[in-house]
Amino acid sequence: VLENVMTGLHGRLDEAVLGAVFRSRSLCDA
């Protein structure tokens, strides 16, 4: 549920954060 809601920020997040949302290794403060 949390990850689904986070995808609503897709237009405002950089590629690294989108990668984190989709379970990649890109984890950051954003």
ModelCIF file with pLDDT and N, C-alpha, C, O atoms, coordinates in Angstrom:
data_MODEL
#
_entry.id   MODEL 
#
_entity.id                         1 
_entity.type                       polymer 
_entity.pdbx_number_of_molecules   1 
#
_entity_poly.entity_id                      1 
_entity_poly.type                           'polypeptide(L)' 
_entity_poly.nstd_linkage                   no 
_entity_poly.nstd_monomer                   no 
_entity_poly.pdbx_seq_one_letter_code       VLENVMTGLHGRLDEAVLGAVFRSRSLCDA 
_entity_poly.pdbx_seq_one_letter_code_can   VLENVMTGLHGRLDEAVLGAVFRSRSLCDA 
_entity_poly.pdbx_strand_id                 A 
#
loop_
_entity_poly_seq.entity_id 
_entity_poly_seq.num 
_entity_poly_seq.mon_id 
_entity_poly_seq.hetero 
1 1  VAL n 
1 2  LEU n 
1 3  GLU n 
1 4  ASN n 
1 5  VAL n 
1 6  MET n 
1 7  THR n 
1 8  GLY n 
1 9  LEU n 
1 10 HIS n 
1 11 GLY n 
1 12 ARG n 
1 13 LEU n 
1 14 ASP n 
1 15 GLU n 
1 16 ALA n 
1 17 VAL n 
1 18 LEU n 
1 19 GLY n 
1 20 ALA n 
1 21 VAL n 
1 22 PHE n 
1 23 ARG n 
1 24 SER n 
1 25 ARG n 
1 26 SER n 
1 27 LEU n 
1 28 CYS n 
1 29 ASP n 
1 30 ALA n 
#
_struct_asym.id          A 
_struct_asym.entity_id   1 
#
loop_
_ma_qa_metric.id 
_ma_qa_metric.mode 
_ma_qa_metric.name 
_ma_qa_metric.software_group_id 
_ma_qa_metric.type 
1 global pLDDT . pLDDT 
2 local  pLDDT . pLDDT 
#
_ma_qa_metric_global.metric_id      1 
_ma_qa_metric_global.metric_value   66.13 
_ma_qa_metric_global.model_id       1 
_ma_qa_metric_global.ordinal_id     1 
#
loop_
_ma_qa_metric_local.label_asym_id 
_ma_qa_metric_local.label_comp_id 
_ma_qa_metric_local.label_seq_id 
_ma_qa_metric_local.metric_id 
_ma_qa_metric_local.metric_value 
_ma_qa_metric_local.model_id 
_ma_qa_metric_local.ordinal_id 
A VAL 1  2 97.00 1 1  
A LEU 2  2 97.00 1 2  
A GLU 3  2 95.00 1 3  
A ASN 4  2 95.00 1 4  
A VAL 5  2 96.00 1 5  
A MET 6  2 94.00 1 6  
A THR 7  2 92.00 1 7  
A GLY 8  2 91.00 1 8  
A LEU 9  2 87.00 1 9  
A HIS 10 2 70.00 1 10 
A GLY 11 2 56.00 1 11 
A ARG 12 2 53.00 1 12 
A LEU 13 2 51.00 1 13 
A ASP 14 2 47.00 1 14 
A GLU 15 2 46.00 1 15 
A ALA 16 2 45.00 1 16 
A VAL 17 2 48.00 1 17 
A LEU 18 2 52.00 1 18 
A GLY 19 2 53.00 1 19 
A ALA 20 2 48.00 1 20 
A VAL 21 2 54.00 1 21 
A PHE 22 2 55.00 1 22 
A ARG 23 2 49.00 1 23 
A SER 24 2 52.00 1 24 
A ARG 25 2 48.00 1 25 
A SER 26 2 51.00 1 26 
A LEU 27 2 53.00 1 27 
A CYS 28 2 63.00 1 28 
A ASP 29 2 72.00 1 29 
A ALA 30 2 74.00 1 30 
#
loop_
_atom_site.group_PDB 
_atom_site.id 
_atom_site.type_symbol 
_atom_site.label_atom_id 
_atom_site.label_alt_id 
_atom_site.label_comp_id 
_atom_site.label_asym_id 
_atom_site.label_entity_id 
_atom_site.label_seq_id 
_atom_site.pdbx_PDB_ins_code 
_atom_site.Cartn_x 
_atom_site.Cartn_y 
_atom_site.Cartn_z 
_atom_site.occupancy 
_atom_site.B_iso_or_equiv 
_atom_site.pdbx_formal_charge 
_atom_site.auth_seq_id 
_atom_site.auth_comp_id 
_atom_site.auth_asym_id 
_atom_site.auth_atom_id 
_atom_site.pdbx_PDB_model_num 
ATOM 1   N N  . VAL A 1 1  ? 0.839  -1.200 0.000   1.00 97.00 ? 1  VAL A N  1 
ATOM 2   C CA . VAL A 1 1  ? 0.000  0.000  0.000   1.00 97.00 ? 1  VAL A CA 1 
ATOM 3   C C  . VAL A 1 1  ? 0.875  1.252  0.000   1.00 97.00 ? 1  VAL A C  1 
ATOM 4   O O  . VAL A 1 1  ? 0.628  2.184  -0.765  1.00 97.00 ? 1  VAL A O  1 
ATOM 5   N N  . LEU A 1 2  ? 1.899  1.275  0.858   1.00 97.00 ? 2  LEU A N  1 
ATOM 6   C CA . LEU A 1 2  ? 2.782  2.437  0.938   1.00 97.00 ? 2  LEU A CA 1 
ATOM 7   C C  . LEU A 1 2  ? 3.471  2.694  -0.397  1.00 97.00 ? 2  LEU A C  1 
ATOM 8   O O  . LEU A 1 2  ? 3.525  3.836  -0.854  1.00 97.00 ? 2  LEU A O  1 
ATOM 9   N N  . GLU A 1 3  ? 3.992  1.657  -1.021  1.00 95.00 ? 3  GLU A N  1 
ATOM 10  C CA . GLU A 1 3  ? 4.687  1.820  -2.294  1.00 95.00 ? 3  GLU A CA 1 
ATOM 11  C C  . GLU A 1 3  ? 3.743  2.305  -3.379  1.00 95.00 ? 3  GLU A C  1 
ATOM 12  O O  . GLU A 1 3  ? 4.119  3.138  -4.203  1.00 95.00 ? 3  GLU A O  1 
ATOM 13  N N  . ASN A 1 4  ? 2.504  1.785  -3.388  1.00 95.00 ? 4  ASN A N  1 
ATOM 14  C CA . ASN A 1 4  ? 1.527  2.242  -4.372  1.00 95.00 ? 4  ASN A CA 1 
ATOM 15  C C  . ASN A 1 4  ? 1.239  3.729  -4.221  1.00 95.00 ? 4  ASN A C  1 
ATOM 16  O O  . ASN A 1 4  ? 1.162  4.452  -5.214  1.00 95.00 ? 4  ASN A O  1 
ATOM 17  N N  . VAL A 1 5  ? 1.079  4.184  -2.992  1.00 96.00 ? 5  VAL A N  1 
ATOM 18  C CA . VAL A 1 5  ? 0.807  5.604  -2.781  1.00 96.00 ? 5  VAL A CA 1 
ATOM 19  C C  . VAL A 1 5  ? 2.013  6.441  -3.195  1.00 96.00 ? 5  VAL A C  1 
ATOM 20  O O  . VAL A 1 5  ? 1.848  7.525  -3.754  1.00 96.00 ? 5  VAL A O  1 
ATOM 21  N N  . MET A 1 6  ? 3.232  5.949  -2.926  1.00 94.00 ? 6  MET A N  1 
ATOM 22  C CA . MET A 1 6  ? 4.437  6.682  -3.304  1.00 94.00 ? 6  MET A CA 1 
ATOM 23  C C  . MET A 1 6  ? 4.545  6.883  -4.808  1.00 94.00 ? 6  MET A C  1 
ATOM 24  O O  . MET A 1 6  ? 5.127  7.871  -5.257  1.00 94.00 ? 6  MET A O  1 
ATOM 25  N N  . THR A 1 7  ? 3.989  5.954  -5.600  1.00 92.00 ? 7  THR A N  1 
ATOM 26  C CA . THR A 1 7  ? 4.067  6.118  -7.050  1.00 92.00 ? 7  THR A CA 1 
ATOM 27  C C  . THR A 1 7  ? 3.291  7.338  -7.528  1.00 92.00 ? 7  THR A C  1 
ATOM 28  O O  . THR A 1 7  ? 3.498  7.799  -8.650  1.00 92.00 ? 7  THR A O  1 
ATOM 29  N N  . GLY A 1 8  ? 2.404  7.866  -6.693  1.00 91.00 ? 8  GLY A N  1 
ATOM 30  C CA . GLY A 1 8  ? 1.695  9.086  -7.048  1.00 91.00 ? 8  GLY A CA 1 
ATOM 31  C C  . GLY A 1 8  ? 2.602  10.293 -7.155  1.00 91.00 ? 8  GLY A C  1 
ATOM 32  O O  . GLY A 1 8  ? 2.185  11.345 -7.640  1.00 91.00 ? 8  GLY A O  1 
ATOM 33  N N  . LEU A 1 9  ? 3.844  10.152 -6.706  1.00 87.00 ? 9  LEU A N  1 
ATOM 34  C CA . LEU A 1 9  ? 4.830  11.232 -6.804  1.00 87.00 ? 9  LEU A CA 1 
ATOM 35  C C  . LEU A 1 9  ? 5.727  11.076 -8.029  1.00 87.00 ? 9  LEU A C  1 
ATOM 36  O O  . LEU A 1 9  ? 6.753  11.748 -8.132  1.00 87.00 ? 9  LEU A O  1 
ATOM 37  N N  . HIS A 1 10 ? 5.352  10.203 -8.953  1.00 70.00 ? 10 HIS A N  1 
ATOM 38  C CA . HIS A 1 10 ? 6.254  9.886  -10.063 1.00 70.00 ? 10 HIS A CA 1 
ATOM 39  C C  . HIS A 1 10 ? 6.666  11.105 -10.864 1.00 70.00 ? 10 HIS A C  1 
ATOM 40  O O  . HIS A 1 10 ? 7.763  11.136 -11.423 1.00 70.00 ? 10 HIS A O  1 
ATOM 41  N N  . GLY A 1 11 ? 5.803  12.112 -10.930 1.00 56.00 ? 11 GLY A N  1 
ATOM 42  C CA . GLY A 1 11 ? 6.153  13.303 -11.696 1.00 56.00 ? 11 GLY A CA 1 
ATOM 43  C C  . GLY A 1 11 ? 7.065  14.251 -10.946 1.00 56.00 ? 11 GLY A C  1 
ATOM 44  O O  . GLY A 1 11 ? 7.535  15.235 -11.517 1.00 56.00 ? 11 GLY A O  1 
ATOM 45  N N  . ARG A 1 12 ? 7.326  13.970 -9.667  1.00 53.00 ? 12 ARG A N  1 
ATOM 46  C CA . ARG A 1 12 ? 8.113  14.896 -8.857  1.00 53.00 ? 12 ARG A CA 1 
ATOM 47  C C  . ARG A 1 12 ? 9.369  14.254 -8.271  1.00 53.00 ? 12 ARG A C  1 
ATOM 48  O O  . ARG A 1 12 ? 10.155 14.921 -7.599  1.00 53.00 ? 12 ARG A O  1 
ATOM 49  N N  . LEU A 1 13 ? 9.558  12.958 -8.527  1.00 51.00 ? 13 LEU A N  1 
ATOM 50  C CA . LEU A 1 13 ? 10.715 12.261 -7.986  1.00 51.00 ? 13 LEU A CA 1 
ATOM 51  C C  . LEU A 1 13 ? 11.749 12.025 -9.078  1.00 51.00 ? 13 LEU A C  1 
ATOM 52  O O  . LEU A 1 13 ? 11.406 11.853 -10.247 1.00 51.00 ? 13 LEU A O  1 
ATOM 53  N N  . ASP A 1 14 ? 13.026 12.018 -8.679  1.00 47.00 ? 14 ASP A N  1 
ATOM 54  C CA . ASP A 1 14 ? 14.057 11.716 -9.660  1.00 47.00 ? 14 ASP A CA 1 
ATOM 55  C C  . ASP A 1 14 ? 14.132 10.216 -9.893  1.00 47.00 ? 14 ASP A C  1 
ATOM 56  O O  . ASP A 1 14 ? 13.469 9.434  -9.211  1.00 47.00 ? 14 ASP A O  1 
ATOM 57  N N  . GLU A 1 15 ? 14.948 9.826  -10.863 1.00 46.00 ? 15 GLU A N  1 
ATOM 58  C CA . GLU A 1 15 ? 15.000 8.428  -11.269 1.00 46.00 ? 15 GLU A CA 1 
ATOM 59  C C  . GLU A 1 15 ? 15.431 7.519  -10.127 1.00 46.00 ? 15 GLU A C  1 
ATOM 60  O O  . GLU A 1 15 ? 14.962 6.385  -10.025 1.00 46.00 ? 15 GLU A O  1 
ATOM 61  N N  . ALA A 1 16 ? 16.319 8.006  -9.270  1.00 45.00 ? 16 ALA A N  1 
ATOM 62  C CA . ALA A 1 16 ? 16.801 7.167  -8.172  1.00 45.00 ? 16 ALA A CA 1 
ATOM 63  C C  . ALA A 1 16 ? 15.668 6.796  -7.224  1.00 45.00 ? 16 ALA A C  1 
ATOM 64  O O  . ALA A 1 16 ? 15.568 5.660  -6.761  1.00 45.00 ? 16 ALA A O  1 
ATOM 65  N N  . VAL A 1 17 ? 14.799 7.800  -6.940  1.00 48.00 ? 17 VAL A N  1 
ATOM 66  C CA . VAL A 1 17 ? 13.709 7.533  -6.008  1.00 48.00 ? 17 VAL A CA 1 
ATOM 67  C C  . VAL A 1 17 ? 12.681 6.608  -6.637  1.00 48.00 ? 17 VAL A C  1 
ATOM 68  O O  . VAL A 1 17 ? 12.138 5.731  -5.966  1.00 48.00 ? 17 VAL A O  1 
ATOM 69  N N  . LEU A 1 18 ? 12.412 6.801  -7.927  1.00 52.00 ? 18 LEU A N  1 
ATOM 70  C CA . LEU A 1 18 ? 11.494 5.894  -8.587  1.00 52.00 ? 18 LEU A CA 1 
ATOM 71  C C  . LEU A 1 18 ? 12.030 4.472  -8.536  1.00 52.00 ? 18 LEU A C  1 
ATOM 72  O O  . LEU A 1 18 ? 11.274 3.517  -8.355  1.00 52.00 ? 18 LEU A O  1 
ATOM 73  N N  . GLY A 1 19 ? 13.342 4.340  -8.699  1.00 53.00 ? 19 GLY A N  1 
ATOM 74  C CA . GLY A 1 19 ? 13.939 3.023  -8.603  1.00 53.00 ? 19 GLY A CA 1 
ATOM 75  C C  . GLY A 1 19 ? 13.728 2.423  -7.231  1.00 53.00 ? 19 GLY A C  1 
ATOM 76  O O  . GLY A 1 19 ? 13.498 1.221  -7.104  1.00 53.00 ? 19 GLY A O  1 
ATOM 77  N N  . ALA A 1 20 ? 13.807 3.258  -6.194  1.00 48.00 ? 20 ALA A N  1 
ATOM 78  C CA . ALA A 1 20 ? 13.584 2.757  -4.840  1.00 48.00 ? 20 ALA A CA 1 
ATOM 79  C C  . ALA A 1 20 ? 12.149 2.302  -4.660  1.00 48.00 ? 20 ALA A C  1 
ATOM 80  O O  . ALA A 1 20 ? 11.893 1.275  -4.030  1.00 48.00 ? 20 ALA A O  1 
ATOM 81  N N  . VAL A 1 21 ? 11.214 3.058  -5.209  1.00 54.00 ? 21 VAL A N  1 
ATOM 82  C CA . VAL A 1 21 ? 9.812  2.676  -5.094  1.00 54.00 ? 21 VAL A CA 1 
ATOM 83  C C  . VAL A 1 21 ? 9.579  1.315  -5.734  1.00 54.00 ? 21 VAL A C  1 
ATOM 84  O O  . VAL A 1 21 ? 8.810  0.506  -5.215  1.00 54.00 ? 21 VAL A O  1 
ATOM 85  N N  . PHE A 1 22 ? 10.237 1.060  -6.853  1.00 55.00 ? 22 PHE A N  1 
ATOM 86  C CA . PHE A 1 22 ? 10.043 -0.199 -7.553  1.00 55.00 ? 22 PHE A CA 1 
ATOM 87  C C  . PHE A 1 22 ? 11.078 -1.251 -7.132  1.00 55.00 ? 22 PHE A C  1 
ATOM 88  O O  . PHE A 1 22 ? 11.486 -2.091 -7.934  1.00 55.00 ? 22 PHE A O  1 
ATOM 89  N N  . ARG A 1 23 ? 11.496 -1.187 -5.854  1.00 49.00 ? 23 ARG A N  1 
ATOM 90  C CA . ARG A 1 23 ? 12.328 -2.210 -5.231  1.00 49.00 ? 23 ARG A CA 1 
ATOM 91  C C  . ARG A 1 23 ? 13.707 -2.333 -5.863  1.00 49.00 ? 23 ARG A C  1 
ATOM 92  O O  . ARG A 1 23 ? 14.267 -3.429 -5.872  1.00 49.00 ? 23 ARG A O  1 
ATOM 93  N N  . SER A 1 24 ? 14.268 -1.268 -6.384  1.00 52.00 ? 24 SER A N  1 
ATOM 94  C CA . SER A 1 24 ? 15.648 -1.310 -6.840  1.00 52.00 ? 24 SER A CA 1 
ATOM 95  C C  . SER A 1 24 ? 16.565 -1.001 -5.665  1.00 52.00 ? 24 SER A C  1 
ATOM 96  O O  . SER A 1 24 ? 16.103 -0.907 -4.528  1.00 52.00 ? 24 SER A O  1 
ATOM 97  N N  . ARG A 1 25 ? 17.869 -0.841 -5.928  1.00 48.00 ? 25 ARG A N  1 
ATOM 98  C CA . ARG A 1 25 ? 18.834 -0.603 -4.862  1.00 48.00 ? 25 ARG A CA 1 
ATOM 99  C C  . ARG A 1 25 ? 18.999 0.885  -4.562  1.00 48.00 ? 25 ARG A C  1 
ATOM 100 O O  . ARG A 1 25 ? 19.745 1.259  -3.657  1.00 48.00 ? 25 ARG A O  1 
ATOM 101 N N  . SER A 1 26 ? 18.310 1.724  -5.315  1.00 51.00 ? 26 SER A N  1 
ATOM 102 C CA . SER A 1 26 ? 18.486 3.178  -5.151  1.00 51.00 ? 26 SER A CA 1 
ATOM 103 C C  . SER A 1 26 ? 17.674 3.677  -3.967  1.00 51.00 ? 26 SER A C  1 
ATOM 104 O O  . SER A 1 26 ? 16.484 3.971  -4.086  1.00 51.00 ? 26 SER A O  1 
ATOM 105 N N  . LEU A 1 27 ? 18.346 3.768  -2.813  1.00 53.00 ? 27 LEU A N  1 
ATOM 106 C CA . LEU A 1 27 ? 17.713 4.263  -1.600  1.00 53.00 ? 27 LEU A CA 1 
ATOM 107 C C  . LEU A 1 27 ? 18.387 5.574  -1.226  1.00 53.00 ? 27 LEU A C  1 
ATOM 108 O O  . LEU A 1 27 ? 19.614 5.670  -1.251  1.00 53.00 ? 27 LEU A O  1 
ATOM 109 N N  . CYS A 1 28 ? 17.601 6.577  -0.882  1.00 63.00 ? 28 CYS A N  1 
ATOM 110 C CA . CYS A 1 28 ? 18.179 7.885  -0.595  1.00 63.00 ? 28 CYS A CA 1 
ATOM 111 C C  . CYS A 1 28 ? 17.245 8.655  0.331   1.00 63.00 ? 28 CYS A C  1 
ATOM 112 O O  . CYS A 1 28 ? 16.151 8.200  0.662   1.00 63.00 ? 28 CYS A O  1 
ATOM 113 N N  . ASP A 1 29 ? 17.707 9.832  0.739   1.00 72.00 ? 29 ASP A N  1 
ATOM 114 C CA . ASP A 1 29 ? 16.903 10.656 1.627   1.00 72.00 ? 29 ASP A CA 1 
ATOM 115 C C  . ASP A 1 29 ? 15.570 11.030 0.990   1.00 72.00 ? 29 ASP A C  1 
ATOM 116 O O  . ASP A 1 29 ? 14.547 11.101 1.671   1.00 72.00 ? 29 ASP A O  1 
ATOM 117 N N  . ALA A 1 30 ? 15.586 11.266 -0.306  1.00 74.00 ? 30 ALA A N  1 
ATOM 118 C CA . ALA A 1 30 ? 14.341 11.651 -0.978  1.00 74.00 ? 30 ALA A CA 1 
ATOM 119 C C  . ALA A 1 30 ? 13.301 10.545 -0.890  1.00 74.00 ? 30 ALA A C  1 
ATOM 120 O O  . ALA A 1 30 ? 12.193 10.697 -1.402  1.00 74.00 ? 30 ALA A O  1 
#
